[in-house]
Amino acid sequence: MKILISDVDGTLIHDGDNISVYNIVKMKELQAQGHLIALCTGRQFFEIKWVLDQYHFPFDYLILNNGAQILDKHYQKIYDCVISRDVGQAILDYTTKFSGLWSYYSDGKLSYGYKNGQCVEHMSQQEKVVSGSFQDCYQSAQQFEIISFHQDDQNMDITKMCYEYIQKHFHQEVEAYYNLHYVDVVAKGCSKGQGLNTLCEMLKIPRHHIYAIGDSYNDLSMLQEVQNSYTFVYAQDEIRKMIPRHVRYVYEVIEEMLGGETNELAR
């Protein structure tokens, strides 16, 4: 039995659109032949559920929150690592000071976002402004599965300042990851690579039967964990130099897993 560990954003979808319908066809074929698929993402549960409800990507496991949480195909938690209440509240106290900066959090039961004094619920794709205070919401949370923030204009000056503040003051309690224009904050020691290892150790899958693919810097921790790792011909130069196998689509990796040949794999 083999397992495919696949990133989602930039790998299966781009700007909210499915990159290739044929990816889904080959993912189903992979499962039909007795192999497993784990979708590995920085997204929290509510966000990945939007994607799955729309595109129905086949999966057996979900590695969420940059490795801090693992769910089975029935959405049951089999692993969970959280940020403490005090640390999460202190981080949000800081990020909510800045105009034009969106802040989000999920405690596993609820998810809210905040910008310029407005609080929105973040459990559905159509975010709704809520009457309550964002500060009251996050101060009532007992723990935090993930915190994230980004600038409304997609610049990185304020985002970078908040990232550096977190690194300086909370590096012993949390990990902070850049992902496109976002920064995701999760519990210390969590990464996509750690999530891959935790799941594959639970399933007792040999290292040479693990295949991983991703496109961005927050994928490197998982791509560098296994020999059968792939990135894309359009990935940034530094990532392509570190990960020598390059493809255009996820289905090319699946074809390799199933014994096929793809010219792109030689690039």
Protein backbone atom coordinates (compact mmCIF):
# COMPACT_ATOMS: atom_id res chain seq x y z
CA MET A 1 0.00 0.00 0.00
CA LYS A 2 1.26 3.46 -0.96
CA ILE A 3 0.08 6.90 0.11
CA LEU A 4 -0.07 10.22 -1.73
CA ILE A 5 0.34 13.30 0.48
CA SER A 6 -0.88 16.27 -1.57
CA ASP A 7 -0.94 19.97 -0.85
CA VAL A 8 -4.19 21.73 -1.88
CA ASP A 9 -3.74 25.42 -2.73
CA GLY A 10 -1.52 25.86 -5.79
CA THR A 11 -1.46 22.09 -6.20
CA LEU A 12 -5.07 20.92 -6.66
CA ILE A 13 -6.75 24.34 -6.80
CA HIS A 14 -5.56 27.79 -7.82
CA ASP A 15 -7.43 31.00 -6.91
CA GLY A 16 -10.37 28.82 -5.90
CA ASP A 17 -10.58 26.91 -9.21
CA ASN A 18 -9.88 23.23 -9.81
CA ILE A 19 -6.56 22.96 -11.66
CA SER A 20 -7.43 19.70 -13.47
CA VAL A 21 -10.48 17.45 -13.48
CA TYR A 22 -8.15 14.62 -14.53
CA ASN A 23 -6.45 14.88 -11.14
CA ILE A 24 -9.70 13.68 -9.57
CA VAL A 25 -10.01 10.83 -12.08
CA LYS A 26 -6.54 9.55 -11.24
CA MET A 27 -7.02 10.07 -7.49
CA LYS A 28 -10.07 7.80 -7.63
CA GLU A 29 -8.08 5.25 -9.62
CA LEU A 30 -5.32 5.34 -6.99
CA GLN A 31 -7.83 4.59 -4.25
CA ALA A 32 -9.49 1.86 -6.33
CA GLN A 33 -6.15 0.09 -6.52
CA GLY A 34 -5.89 0.00 -2.72
CA HIS A 35 -3.73 3.07 -2.05
CA LEU A 36 -4.38 6.06 0.22
CA ILE A 37 -4.62 9.83 -0.22
CA ALA A 38 -4.05 12.49 2.43
CA LEU A 39 -4.70 16.14 1.65
CA CYS A 40 -2.17 18.27 3.52
CA THR A 41 -2.93 21.97 3.91
CA GLY A 42 -2.50 25.04 6.03
CA ARG A 43 -6.26 25.48 5.94
CA GLN A 44 -8.40 24.84 8.99
CA PHE A 45 -11.37 22.45 8.91
CA PHE A 46 -14.08 24.94 7.93
CA GLU A 47 -12.00 26.21 4.99
CA ILE A 48 -11.07 22.79 3.60
CA LYS A 49 -14.72 21.74 3.91
CA TRP A 50 -15.65 24.53 1.47
CA VAL A 51 -13.19 23.09 -1.06
CA LEU A 52 -14.32 19.49 -0.59
CA ASP A 53 -18.01 20.41 -0.85
CA GLN A 54 -17.30 22.13 -4.17
CA TYR A 55 -14.77 19.82 -5.84
CA HIS A 56 -15.14 16.45 -4.10
CA PHE A 57 -11.46 15.56 -4.10
CA PRO A 58 -11.09 11.92 -3.00
CA PHE A 59 -9.24 11.51 0.29
CA ASP A 60 -8.71 9.10 3.15
CA TYR A 61 -7.14 11.56 5.59
CA LEU A 62 -6.84 15.32 6.06
CA ILE A 63 -3.68 16.88 7.51
CA LEU A 64 -4.83 20.38 8.49
CA ASN A 65 -3.46 23.52 10.15
CA ASN A 66 0.06 22.91 8.77
CA GLY A 67 0.24 19.50 10.43
CA ALA A 68 -1.35 20.42 13.76
CA GLN A 69 -4.46 18.30 13.15
CA ILE A 70 -5.26 15.03 11.36
CA LEU A 71 -8.77 13.84 10.50
CA ASP A 72 -9.96 10.61 8.93
CA LYS A 73 -12.38 10.47 5.98
CA HIS A 74 -15.31 10.76 8.39
CA TYR A 75 -13.87 14.02 9.78
CA GLN A 76 -13.00 12.38 13.08
CA LYS A 77 -9.91 13.73 14.82
CA ILE A 78 -7.07 11.27 15.20
CA TYR A 79 -4.44 13.87 16.13
CA ASP A 80 -4.70 17.42 17.44
CA CYS A 81 -2.13 19.91 18.75
CA VAL A 82 -3.30 23.35 19.91
CA ILE A 83 -2.06 26.80 20.92
CA SER A 84 -2.72 27.65 24.57
CA ARG A 85 -5.39 30.14 25.47
CA ASP A 86 -3.01 32.77 26.88
CA VAL A 87 -0.61 32.68 23.92
CA GLY A 88 -3.37 32.76 21.32
CA GLN A 89 -5.08 35.69 22.98
CA ALA A 90 -1.79 37.62 23.25
CA ILE A 91 -1.06 37.12 19.53
CA LEU A 92 -4.54 38.30 18.54
CA ASP A 93 -4.27 41.27 20.93
CA TYR A 94 -1.26 42.34 18.85
CA THR A 95 -2.45 41.64 15.29
CA THR A 96 -5.81 43.36 15.80
CA LYS A 97 -4.06 46.66 16.49
CA PHE A 98 -3.30 47.21 12.80
CA SER A 99 -5.64 48.86 10.31
CA GLY A 100 -6.10 46.90 7.09
CA LEU A 101 -4.94 43.61 8.59
CA TRP A 102 -7.33 40.65 8.65
CA SER A 103 -6.94 38.31 11.63
CA TYR A 104 -8.60 34.90 11.90
CA TYR A 105 -8.73 32.09 14.41
CA SER A 106 -10.36 28.72 14.86
CA ASP A 107 -10.76 26.92 18.16
CA GLY A 108 -12.15 23.80 16.44
CA LYS A 109 -15.78 24.67 17.14
CA LEU A 110 -15.98 28.25 15.93
CA SER A 111 -14.00 30.46 13.56
CA TYR A 112 -14.06 34.23 13.32
CA GLY A 113 -12.24 36.96 11.44
CA TYR A 114 -11.62 40.63 12.15
CA LYS A 115 -10.62 43.78 10.25
CA ASN A 116 -11.02 47.45 11.06
CA GLY A 117 -13.47 46.86 13.88
CA GLN A 118 -15.72 44.35 12.11
CA CYS A 119 -16.14 40.76 13.27
CA VAL A 120 -17.18 38.11 10.71
CA GLU A 121 -18.04 34.46 11.17
CA HIS A 122 -15.66 32.25 9.21
CA MET A 123 -17.49 28.93 9.27
CA SER A 124 -19.04 29.27 5.80
CA GLN A 125 -17.74 30.56 2.49
CA GLN A 126 -20.14 33.52 2.64
CA GLU A 127 -18.66 35.40 5.57
CA LYS A 128 -21.27 37.27 7.58
CA VAL A 129 -20.69 40.29 9.80
CA VAL A 130 -21.71 39.49 13.36
CA SER A 131 -22.85 41.92 16.01
CA GLY A 132 -20.52 40.70 18.74
CA SER A 133 -16.99 41.89 19.47
CA PHE A 134 -14.13 39.92 17.92
CA GLN A 135 -12.18 40.46 21.13
CA ASP A 136 -15.01 38.93 23.17
CA CYS A 137 -15.05 35.95 20.78
CA TYR A 138 -11.37 35.09 20.99
CA GLN A 139 -11.13 35.83 24.70
CA SER A 140 -13.81 33.20 25.31
CA ALA A 141 -11.89 30.54 23.37
CA GLN A 142 -10.27 27.89 25.55
CA GLN A 143 -7.61 27.06 22.97
CA PHE A 144 -6.63 27.85 19.39
CA GLU A 145 -6.12 25.34 16.59
CA ILE A 146 -4.80 27.98 14.19
CA ILE A 147 -4.42 31.76 13.92
CA SER A 148 -3.79 33.51 10.62
CA PHE A 149 -3.51 37.03 9.29
CA HIS A 150 -2.99 38.92 6.04
CA GLN A 151 -3.25 42.42 4.63
CA ASP A 152 -6.31 43.41 2.67
CA ASP A 153 -4.12 44.90 -0.10
CA GLN A 154 -1.91 41.75 -0.24
CA ASN A 155 1.18 43.74 0.66
CA MET A 156 3.48 42.24 3.27
CA ASP A 157 4.87 45.12 5.33
CA ILE A 158 2.44 44.87 8.27
CA THR A 159 2.19 41.10 7.88
CA LYS A 160 5.98 40.81 8.09
CA MET A 161 6.05 43.05 11.18
CA CYS A 162 3.52 40.80 12.94
CA TYR A 163 5.40 37.68 11.85
CA GLU A 164 8.65 39.02 13.32
CA TYR A 165 6.89 40.03 16.54
CA ILE A 166 5.53 36.50 16.95
CA GLN A 167 8.93 34.97 16.19
CA LYS A 168 10.56 37.18 18.79
CA HIS A 169 8.04 36.83 21.62
CA PHE A 170 6.39 33.44 21.11
CA HIS A 171 8.95 31.26 19.30
CA GLN A 172 8.96 28.77 22.17
CA GLU A 173 5.18 28.26 22.00
CA VAL A 174 4.23 28.48 18.30
CA GLU A 175 5.36 28.04 14.70
CA ALA A 176 4.60 30.76 12.13
CA TYR A 177 4.51 29.98 8.40
CA TYR A 178 4.30 32.18 5.33
CA ASN A 179 1.78 30.93 2.76
CA LEU A 180 1.41 33.27 -0.23
CA HIS A 181 0.12 36.51 1.38
CA TYR A 182 -0.86 34.86 4.65
CA VAL A 183 0.91 33.95 7.84
CA ASP A 184 -0.41 30.88 9.65
CA VAL A 185 0.37 30.33 13.35
CA VAL A 186 0.12 26.88 14.92
CA ALA A 187 1.42 25.09 18.00
CA LYS A 188 5.16 24.59 18.47
CA GLY A 189 6.62 21.63 16.60
CA CYS A 190 3.81 21.42 14.06
CA SER A 191 4.56 21.35 10.35
CA LYS A 192 3.36 19.55 7.25
CA GLY A 193 6.41 17.30 7.57
CA GLN A 194 5.52 16.45 11.16
CA GLY A 195 1.94 15.76 10.12
CA LEU A 196 3.13 13.45 7.33
CA ASN A 197 5.35 11.54 9.76
CA THR A 198 2.65 11.24 12.41
CA LEU A 199 0.08 9.87 9.97
CA CYS A 200 2.42 7.47 8.19
CA GLU A 201 3.75 6.11 11.50
CA MET A 202 0.17 5.50 12.64
CA LEU A 203 -0.54 3.64 9.39
CA LYS A 204 2.86 1.88 9.40
CA ILE A 205 3.55 2.86 5.79
CA PRO A 206 7.16 2.31 4.68
CA ARG A 207 9.07 5.47 3.74
CA HIS A 208 9.60 4.34 0.14
CA HIS A 209 5.82 4.03 -0.29
CA ILE A 210 5.17 7.68 0.64
CA TYR A 211 4.77 10.20 -2.20
CA ALA A 212 4.40 13.93 -1.53
CA ILE A 213 3.71 16.93 -3.75
CA GLY A 214 3.44 20.66 -3.09
CA ASP A 215 4.28 24.03 -4.57
CA SER A 216 5.21 26.45 -1.79
CA TYR A 217 7.63 27.10 1.07
CA ASN A 218 5.30 25.73 3.73
CA ASP A 219 5.36 22.41 1.80
CA LEU A 220 9.13 21.98 2.08
CA SER A 221 8.98 20.34 5.50
CA MET A 222 6.96 17.46 4.04
CA LEU A 223 8.72 17.35 0.66
CA GLN A 224 12.11 17.02 2.32
CA GLU A 225 10.91 14.18 4.56
CA VAL A 226 10.53 11.62 1.78
CA GLN A 227 12.50 10.45 -1.22
CA ASN A 228 9.46 10.43 -3.53
CA SER A 229 8.76 14.17 -3.43
CA TYR A 230 7.61 16.39 -6.29
CA THR A 231 7.03 20.04 -7.02
CA PHE A 232 5.91 21.90 -10.13
CA VAL A 233 7.61 23.32 -13.19
CA TYR A 234 6.06 26.69 -12.21
CA ALA A 235 7.25 26.62 -8.56
CA GLN A 236 9.75 29.24 -7.42
CA ASP A 237 13.37 28.61 -8.44
CA GLU A 238 14.56 27.91 -4.89
CA ILE A 239 11.89 25.24 -4.37
CA ARG A 240 12.62 23.57 -7.71
CA LYS A 241 16.32 23.45 -6.85
CA MET A 242 15.59 21.76 -3.53
CA ILE A 243 13.03 19.32 -4.96
CA PRO A 244 14.40 17.85 -8.22
CA ARG A 245 11.29 16.08 -9.54
CA HIS A 246 9.03 18.52 -11.41
CA VAL A 247 5.55 17.96 -12.86
CA ARG A 248 2.66 20.05 -14.17
CA TYR A 249 -0.17 18.09 -12.58
CA VAL A 250 -0.76 15.85 -9.57
CA TYR A 251 -1.98 13.05 -11.83
CA GLU A 252 1.55 12.66 -13.22
CA VAL A 253 2.73 11.65 -9.75
CA ILE A 254 -0.15 9.18 -9.47
CA GLU A 255 0.81 7.66 -12.81
CA GLU A 256 4.32 7.19 -11.43
CA MET A 257 2.91 5.58 -8.28
CA LEU A 258 0.90 3.17 -10.41
CA GLY A 259 3.87 2.26 -12.59
CA GLY A 260 3.33 4.60 -15.52
CA GLU A 261 5.86 6.84 -17.19
CA THR A 262 5.70 10.57 -17.57
CA ASN A 263 8.23 12.64 -19.48
CA GLU A 264 7.81 15.52 -17.04
CA LEU A 265 9.29 13.46 -14.24
CA ALA A 266 12.67 13.68 -15.89
CA ARG A 267 12.69 17.47 -15.86
